[in-house]
Protein backbone atom coordinates (compact mmCIF):
# COMPACT_ATOMS: atom_id res chain seq x y z
CA MET A 1 -141.83 16.41 -231.87
CA THR A 2 -139.67 19.27 -230.78
CA LEU A 3 -142.54 21.68 -231.43
CA LEU A 4 -144.90 19.73 -229.17
CA LEU A 5 -142.32 19.70 -226.43
CA LEU A 6 -141.94 23.48 -226.61
CA LEU A 7 -145.72 24.01 -226.45
CA TRP A 8 -145.95 21.78 -223.39
CA LEU A 9 -143.18 23.67 -221.64
CA VAL A 10 -144.87 26.99 -222.39
CA SER A 11 -148.22 25.80 -221.07
CA TYR A 12 -146.52 24.33 -217.99
CA TYR A 13 -144.68 27.58 -217.34
CA VAL A 14 -147.86 29.62 -217.66
CA GLY A 15 -149.72 27.29 -215.35
CA SER A 16 -146.91 27.37 -212.83
CA SER A 17 -146.47 31.16 -212.75
CA GLY A 18 -150.13 31.98 -212.11
CA THR A 19 -151.34 35.57 -211.53
CA HIS A 20 -150.44 38.54 -209.33
CA THR A 21 -153.15 40.60 -207.62
CA GLU A 22 -153.14 43.48 -205.13
CA ILE A 23 -156.07 44.07 -202.79
CA LYS A 24 -156.73 46.76 -200.15
CA ARG A 25 -159.32 46.31 -197.45
CA VAL A 26 -160.24 48.04 -194.22
CA ALA A 27 -159.75 46.24 -190.94
CA GLU A 28 -162.79 44.44 -189.51
CA GLU A 29 -164.19 43.92 -193.01
CA LYS A 30 -164.31 40.74 -195.15
CA VAL A 31 -161.95 39.92 -198.03
CA THR A 32 -161.78 37.16 -200.65
CA LEU A 33 -158.38 36.28 -202.17
CA PRO A 34 -158.81 34.71 -205.67
CA CYS A 35 -157.26 31.41 -206.73
CA HIS A 36 -158.52 29.37 -209.75
CA HIS A 37 -157.15 26.23 -211.33
CA GLN A 38 -158.09 24.24 -214.46
CA LEU A 39 -156.03 21.14 -214.32
CA GLY A 40 -158.70 18.73 -215.47
CA LEU A 41 -160.75 16.46 -213.34
CA PRO A 42 -159.11 16.17 -209.96
CA GLU A 43 -158.26 12.85 -208.57
CA LYS A 44 -159.06 12.22 -204.93
CA ASP A 45 -155.58 11.19 -204.00
CA THR A 46 -153.61 13.67 -206.12
CA LEU A 47 -155.27 17.11 -205.45
CA ASP A 48 -153.46 19.31 -202.92
CA ILE A 49 -154.24 22.98 -202.13
CA GLU A 50 -152.12 25.17 -199.88
CA TRP A 51 -152.28 28.85 -198.92
CA LEU A 52 -149.12 30.49 -197.56
CA LEU A 53 -148.62 33.96 -195.97
CA THR A 54 -145.37 35.90 -196.02
CA ASP A 55 -145.68 38.88 -193.66
CA ASN A 56 -143.94 42.24 -193.98
CA GLU A 57 -140.99 40.97 -191.94
CA GLY A 58 -140.36 38.00 -194.31
CA ASN A 59 -141.77 35.28 -192.05
CA GLN A 60 -143.81 32.60 -193.81
CA LYS A 61 -146.61 30.43 -192.35
CA VAL A 62 -149.35 28.14 -193.60
CA VAL A 63 -152.88 29.56 -193.56
CA ILE A 64 -155.09 26.69 -194.85
CA THR A 65 -154.55 23.40 -196.69
CA TYR A 66 -156.46 20.63 -198.37
CA SER A 67 -154.74 17.31 -198.47
CA SER A 68 -155.82 13.68 -198.43
CA GLN A 69 -159.47 14.73 -198.64
CA HIS A 70 -159.24 16.83 -195.43
CA VAL A 71 -159.29 20.61 -194.85
CA TYR A 72 -156.97 22.08 -192.21
CA ASN A 73 -157.89 25.69 -191.39
CA ASN A 74 -157.09 26.00 -187.67
CA LEU A 75 -153.34 25.86 -187.95
CA THR A 76 -152.68 28.97 -185.78
CA GLU A 77 -154.55 30.42 -182.83
CA GLU A 78 -154.59 33.87 -184.42
CA GLN A 79 -156.38 32.67 -187.57
CA LYS A 80 -158.67 30.17 -185.89
CA GLY A 81 -162.25 30.51 -187.09
CA ARG A 82 -161.48 33.39 -189.48
CA VAL A 83 -160.20 31.65 -192.65
CA ALA A 84 -161.99 29.25 -195.00
CA PHE A 85 -162.35 28.31 -198.69
CA ALA A 86 -164.75 30.76 -200.33
CA SER A 87 -166.24 28.29 -202.84
CA ASN A 88 -166.08 24.73 -204.15
CA PHE A 89 -162.36 24.19 -204.32
CA LEU A 90 -162.84 20.73 -205.88
CA ALA A 91 -164.48 22.34 -208.92
CA GLY A 92 -161.58 24.71 -209.60
CA ASP A 93 -162.19 27.69 -207.24
CA ALA A 94 -159.71 27.60 -204.36
CA SER A 95 -160.24 31.26 -203.32
CA LEU A 96 -159.57 32.14 -199.67
CA GLN A 97 -161.96 34.12 -197.45
CA ILE A 98 -160.89 36.00 -194.27
CA GLU A 99 -163.40 37.61 -191.90
CA PRO A 100 -162.94 39.82 -189.96
CA LEU A 101 -159.68 41.28 -191.14
CA LYS A 102 -156.92 42.22 -188.72
CA PRO A 103 -153.79 44.30 -189.28
CA SER A 104 -151.73 41.14 -188.77
CA ASP A 105 -153.36 39.63 -191.88
CA GLU A 106 -151.44 42.02 -194.13
CA GLY A 107 -148.79 40.46 -196.37
CA ARG A 108 -148.16 38.41 -199.51
CA TYR A 109 -150.38 35.36 -199.99
CA THR A 110 -149.49 32.43 -202.28
CA CYS A 111 -152.00 29.86 -203.48
CA LYS A 112 -150.39 26.58 -204.63
CA VAL A 113 -152.51 23.93 -206.33
CA LYS A 114 -151.12 20.50 -207.26
CA ASN A 115 -152.99 17.98 -209.39
CA SER A 116 -151.56 14.95 -211.11
CA GLY A 117 -148.06 16.31 -210.88
CA ARG A 118 -148.97 19.76 -212.24
CA TYR A 119 -148.72 22.99 -210.18
CA VAL A 120 -150.49 26.36 -210.30
CA TRP A 121 -149.43 29.39 -208.26
CA SER A 122 -151.45 32.54 -207.58
CA HIS A 123 -150.04 35.52 -205.71
CA VAL A 124 -152.08 38.16 -203.87
CA ASN A 125 -150.70 41.20 -202.06
CA LEU A 126 -153.13 42.14 -199.26
CA LYS A 127 -152.94 45.49 -197.54
CA VAL A 128 -155.08 45.98 -194.46
CA LEU A 129 -156.03 49.61 -193.85
CA VAL A 130 -156.68 50.84 -190.31
CA ARG A 131 -159.02 53.76 -189.76
CA PRO A 132 -157.49 56.62 -187.73
CA SER A 133 -158.35 56.50 -184.06
CA LYS A 134 -160.44 59.35 -182.71
CA PRO A 135 -158.04 62.29 -182.46
CA LYS A 136 -157.51 64.33 -179.33
CA CYS A 137 -157.93 68.11 -179.60
CA GLU A 138 -155.96 70.37 -177.26
CA LEU A 139 -155.14 74.06 -176.83
CA GLU A 140 -151.76 75.54 -175.93
CA GLY A 141 -151.15 79.25 -175.40
CA GLU A 142 -152.85 82.36 -173.99
CA LEU A 143 -156.56 82.93 -174.55
CA THR A 144 -156.26 86.72 -174.40
CA GLU A 145 -156.49 89.44 -177.01
CA GLY A 146 -153.23 89.84 -178.90
CA GLY A 147 -151.90 86.46 -177.76
CA ASP A 148 -150.96 83.40 -179.79
CA LEU A 149 -152.73 80.04 -179.55
CA THR A 150 -151.81 76.61 -180.95
CA LEU A 151 -154.51 74.09 -181.89
CA GLN A 152 -153.22 70.53 -181.55
CA CYS A 153 -154.75 67.37 -183.05
CA GLU A 154 -153.32 63.85 -183.18
CA SER A 155 -154.56 60.26 -183.68
CA SER A 156 -152.78 57.55 -181.72
CA SER A 157 -153.25 54.84 -184.38
CA GLY A 158 -154.11 54.41 -188.04
CA THR A 159 -152.53 53.57 -191.37
CA LYS A 160 -150.02 56.15 -192.49
CA PRO A 161 -150.17 58.72 -193.90
CA ILE A 162 -152.85 60.47 -191.84
CA VAL A 163 -154.03 63.84 -193.12
CA TYR A 164 -155.21 66.46 -190.59
CA LYS A 165 -157.52 69.33 -191.37
CA TRP A 166 -158.67 72.17 -189.08
CA GLN A 167 -161.74 74.26 -189.74
CA ARG A 168 -164.28 76.38 -187.88
CA VAL A 169 -167.73 75.05 -187.08
CA PRO A 170 -170.40 77.71 -187.87
CA GLU A 171 -172.61 78.26 -184.83
CA LYS A 172 -174.49 81.28 -186.16
CA GLU A 173 -175.79 82.22 -189.53
CA GLY A 174 -173.16 83.99 -191.61
CA GLU A 175 -170.12 82.54 -189.83
CA ASP A 176 -167.29 81.31 -192.03
CA GLU A 177 -165.76 77.81 -191.95
CA TYR A 178 -162.29 79.09 -192.69
CA LEU A 179 -159.67 79.69 -190.03
CA PRO A 180 -158.83 83.27 -188.99
CA PRO A 181 -156.63 85.17 -191.47
CA LYS A 182 -153.50 85.01 -189.32
CA SER A 183 -153.29 81.21 -189.09
CA ARG A 184 -150.32 79.07 -189.94
CA ILE A 185 -149.98 75.28 -190.26
CA ASP A 186 -146.90 73.67 -188.74
CA SER A 187 -145.11 71.83 -191.53
CA ARG A 188 -143.39 69.44 -189.12
CA ASN A 189 -146.65 68.63 -187.30
CA PRO A 190 -149.55 68.84 -189.75
CA GLY A 191 -152.03 68.47 -186.91
CA HIS A 192 -150.85 71.75 -185.30
CA VAL A 193 -152.22 75.13 -186.33
CA LEU A 194 -150.97 78.44 -184.90
CA LEU A 195 -153.50 81.26 -184.42
CA GLN A 196 -151.64 84.57 -184.13
CA ASN A 197 -152.77 87.90 -182.68
CA LEU A 198 -156.08 86.66 -181.30
CA THR A 199 -159.13 88.89 -181.37
CA MET A 200 -162.63 88.51 -179.99
CA ALA A 201 -163.69 87.34 -183.47
CA SER A 202 -161.35 84.35 -183.06
CA SER A 203 -163.65 82.86 -180.45
CA GLY A 204 -165.72 79.89 -181.58
CA LEU A 205 -165.81 76.15 -182.14
CA TYR A 206 -162.97 74.49 -184.07
CA GLN A 207 -162.98 70.98 -185.57
CA CYS A 208 -160.05 68.74 -186.48
CA THR A 209 -160.51 65.87 -188.97
CA ALA A 210 -157.97 63.04 -189.22
CA GLY A 211 -158.31 60.88 -192.34
CA ASN A 212 -156.61 58.23 -194.45
CA GLU A 213 -157.63 55.64 -197.07
CA ALA A 214 -159.69 53.74 -194.49
CA GLY A 215 -161.83 56.59 -193.23
CA LYS A 216 -162.03 59.71 -191.08
CA GLU A 217 -162.42 60.66 -187.42
CA SER A 218 -162.79 64.11 -185.89
CA CYS A 219 -162.81 66.06 -182.62
CA VAL A 220 -163.88 69.58 -181.63
CA VAL A 221 -162.60 72.20 -179.18
CA ARG A 222 -163.95 75.60 -178.13
CA VAL A 223 -161.82 78.75 -178.14
CA THR A 224 -162.89 81.62 -175.88
CA VAL A 225 -160.79 84.77 -176.16
CA GLN A 226 -160.95 87.12 -173.15
CA TYR A 227 -160.06 90.77 -172.61
CA ALA A 228 -156.77 91.35 -170.83
CA GLN A 229 -158.59 93.60 -168.32
CA SER A 230 -161.07 90.84 -167.61
CA MET A 231 -158.24 88.46 -166.88
CA GLY A 232 -156.80 90.95 -164.38
CA MET A 233 -160.16 91.35 -162.70
CA ILE A 234 -160.60 87.62 -162.46
CA ALA A 235 -157.13 87.23 -160.96
CA GLY A 236 -157.87 90.00 -158.43
CA ALA A 237 -161.20 88.43 -157.50
CA VAL A 238 -159.59 85.06 -156.98
CA THR A 239 -156.88 86.61 -154.82
CA GLY A 240 -159.48 88.47 -152.75
CA MET A 241 -161.50 85.32 -152.22
CA VAL A 242 -158.44 83.43 -151.07
CA ALA A 243 -157.45 86.24 -148.69
CA GLY A 244 -161.00 86.44 -147.29
CA ALA A 245 -161.10 82.70 -146.72
CA LEU A 246 -157.77 82.85 -144.88
CA LEU A 247 -158.99 85.74 -142.71
CA ILE A 248 -162.20 83.92 -141.76
CA PHE A 249 -160.19 80.83 -140.92
CA LEU A 250 -157.85 82.90 -138.72
CA LEU A 251 -160.75 84.52 -136.85
CA VAL A 252 -162.42 81.18 -136.22
CA TRP A 253 -159.14 79.78 -134.97
CA LEU A 254 -158.63 82.68 -132.57
CA LEU A 255 -162.17 82.32 -131.17
CA ILE A 256 -161.64 78.63 -130.58
CA ARG A 257 -158.35 79.32 -128.82
CA LYS A 258 -159.97 81.95 -126.62
CA LYS A 259 -162.83 79.65 -125.60
CA ASP A 260 -160.39 76.85 -124.82
CA LYS A 261 -158.31 79.19 -122.66
CA GLU A 262 -161.35 80.44 -120.72
CA ARG A 263 -162.55 76.90 -120.13
CA TYR A 264 -159.08 75.89 -118.92
CA GLU A 265 -158.94 78.83 -116.49
CA GLU A 266 -162.38 78.00 -115.09
CA GLU A 267 -161.34 74.41 -114.49
CA GLU A 268 -158.04 75.39 -112.80
CA ARG A 269 -159.31 78.28 -110.63
CA PRO A 270 -160.74 76.15 -107.74
CA ASN A 271 -157.42 74.32 -107.41
CA GLU A 272 -155.25 77.43 -107.03
CA ILE A 273 -153.78 78.35 -103.60
CA ARG A 274 -153.31 82.08 -103.20
CA GLU A 275 -150.39 82.69 -100.85
CA ASP A 276 -150.51 86.42 -101.27
CA ALA A 277 -154.22 86.75 -100.37
CA GLU A 278 -155.01 89.26 -97.61
CA ALA A 279 -156.38 88.05 -94.32
CA PRO A 280 -159.94 89.04 -93.52
CA LYS A 281 -160.16 92.38 -91.76
CA ALA A 282 -161.15 92.51 -88.10
CA ARG A 283 -164.61 93.78 -87.32
CA LEU A 284 -164.80 96.53 -84.81
CA VAL A 285 -167.75 96.42 -82.40
CA LYS A 286 -168.64 99.29 -80.10
CA PRO A 287 -169.01 98.21 -76.52
CA SER A 288 -172.26 99.04 -74.85
CA SER A 289 -172.11 101.85 -72.39
CA SER A 290 -174.59 103.31 -69.98
CA SER A 291 -174.67 106.74 -68.47
CA SER A 292 -175.33 107.37 -64.84
CA GLY A 293 -177.87 110.09 -65.05
CA SER A 294 -178.61 109.98 -61.38
CA ARG A 295 -175.07 110.99 -60.45
CA SER A 296 -174.33 114.47 -59.42
CA SER A 297 -172.65 116.97 -61.65
CA HIS A 298 -169.39 116.67 -59.76
CA SER A 299 -169.19 112.90 -60.11
CA GLY A 300 -170.12 113.15 -63.83
CA SER A 301 -167.32 115.62 -64.44
CA ALA A 302 -164.75 113.39 -62.75
CA SER A 303 -165.97 110.30 -64.60
CA THR A 304 -165.77 112.13 -67.88
CA ARG A 305 -162.19 113.11 -67.24
CA SER A 306 -161.21 109.61 -66.12
CA THR A 307 -162.90 108.05 -69.17
CA ALA A 308 -161.18 110.49 -71.50
CA ASN A 309 -157.85 109.59 -69.97
CA SER A 310 -158.46 105.85 -70.39
CA ALA A 311 -159.67 106.37 -73.99
CA SER A 312 -156.53 108.31 -74.73
CA ARG A 313 -154.33 105.50 -73.52
CA SER A 314 -156.40 102.89 -75.38
CA GLN A 315 -156.28 104.93 -78.59
CA ARG A 316 -152.51 105.22 -78.31
CA THR A 317 -152.20 101.47 -77.86
CA LEU A 318 -154.33 100.73 -80.96
CA SER A 319 -152.46 103.27 -83.03
CA THR A 320 -149.13 101.76 -82.01
CA GLU A 321 -150.25 98.28 -83.09
CA ALA A 322 -151.83 99.45 -86.37
CA ALA A 323 -149.20 101.92 -87.58
CA PRO A 324 -145.91 100.68 -89.03
CA ARG A 325 -143.93 103.20 -87.03
CA PRO A 326 -144.42 104.27 -83.41
CA LEU A 327 -146.08 107.51 -82.44
CA PRO A 328 -144.20 110.10 -80.36
CA PRO A 329 -144.51 109.44 -76.64
CA VAL A 330 -147.18 111.30 -74.74
CA PRO A 331 -146.01 112.96 -71.51
CA ARG A 332 -147.41 111.25 -68.45
CA ALA A 333 -147.99 112.68 -64.97
CA HIS A 334 -146.00 111.44 -62.02
CA GLY A 335 -149.09 110.44 -60.17
CA ARG A 336 -151.51 107.71 -61.22
CA VAL A 337 -155.14 108.52 -61.27
CA GLY A 338 -157.21 105.71 -59.94
CA PRO A 339 -160.83 105.12 -60.39
CA VAL A 340 -163.05 107.71 -58.91
CA ALA A 341 -165.51 106.56 -56.44
CA ARG A 342 -169.07 107.26 -57.02
CA GLY A 343 -170.27 110.34 -55.28
CA ALA A 344 -166.77 111.80 -54.70
CA ALA A 345 -166.39 115.52 -54.75
CA PRO A 346 -164.27 117.31 -57.34
CA GLU A 347 -161.99 118.75 -54.69
CA ASP A 348 -160.92 115.28 -53.55
CA LEU A 349 -159.04 114.63 -56.85
CA HIS A 350 -155.26 114.81 -56.86
CA PRO A 351 -153.82 117.94 -58.46
CA ALA A 352 -151.56 115.90 -60.76
CA ALA A 353 -154.55 114.11 -62.17
CA LEU A 354 -156.18 117.40 -62.90
CA THR A 355 -153.05 118.60 -64.62
CA GLU A 356 -152.87 115.46 -66.80
CA ALA A 357 -156.51 115.64 -67.68
CA GLU A 358 -156.22 119.28 -68.68
CA ALA A 359 -153.11 118.55 -70.78
CA THR A 360 -154.83 115.78 -72.73
CA PRO A 361 -156.46 117.19 -75.86
CA SER A 362 -160.15 116.85 -76.09
CA ARG A 363 -161.53 114.35 -78.55
CA GLY A 364 -164.85 114.00 -80.24
CA PRO A 365 -167.39 111.47 -79.14
CA SER A 366 -166.39 109.03 -81.87
CA GLN A 367 -162.71 109.16 -80.85
CA SER A 368 -163.20 109.09 -77.07
CA ARG A 369 -165.09 105.81 -77.18
CA PRO A 370 -162.94 102.76 -76.81
CA PHE A 371 -163.12 100.07 -79.51
CA GLN A 372 -162.91 96.38 -78.92
CA THR A 373 -161.38 94.05 -81.46
CA VAL A 374 -163.48 90.98 -82.08
């Protein structure tokens, strides 16, 4: 009797403990978690199946259950439509199927089967692997001969650890896949590689591969090493272009300013009042004169003298008005010479008039003619 009791306890213990399994799958794939029970023919009212998940933070939740002849597999919004029994759970296969996998599905699953008062537990550790995201390749440093350059590569997501590898991509026949001789990997940042003392042979296409248990992703970057003299020439050319553009802009601006100024002056000129403008000059018109050819020689001589005398006085009057300072006075005779009658003889003239006429300097024809201001 005691022996039978011990055998029953051992079989009950084995059935209760179940099995332990560890499974790794990549995200977005399908996984089946095993759970089998052999507890005899199930009874409709006594068979219960329950799957539980304990996540990496220790939180536990129900995934799927079968109870009272009903399946409940939409217990959480996150697992809705993704979990189901993989086979005929009434016949002894209560395995769980999840599709597609998500990183949040990772954790420790427990399958608990109860039938007629007997229990079976199965434990499965599920690890969901995430493929590295496409890495980003960057360059940092000087792309000149003799300079140092750092190749940088990093994936933003993926299951740790992520392994990075840099290599050259052959573009021509005979090119090597290995990095230049003077290359050093940064131990603190495995995705960083330092290329020292660059040469023209360092130019080419470089590829970085980021990989883990789930898969690999890669990116490429081109390195173009330039001569130091070429860099100086490029810098000088850029500076010259900038200076030329500024000069052209300045010239255009000056031309526009000049045209605006000329247009402004043309618009304002009719409205200006010139106070310092000179008055129009008077026009001098020669009076018409006629000669008395039929007079005698004596009358002509007297008329010539009288006209000369009058022209002299008129000339002095005009000069006094035109000049800023007065002219010296001209000596006058005590007697006044009146007009000479036509046909008078030369001896009838007064002696003082003769004296004044002789003292008056002779003038040319242009000076002896009186001018009239119009």
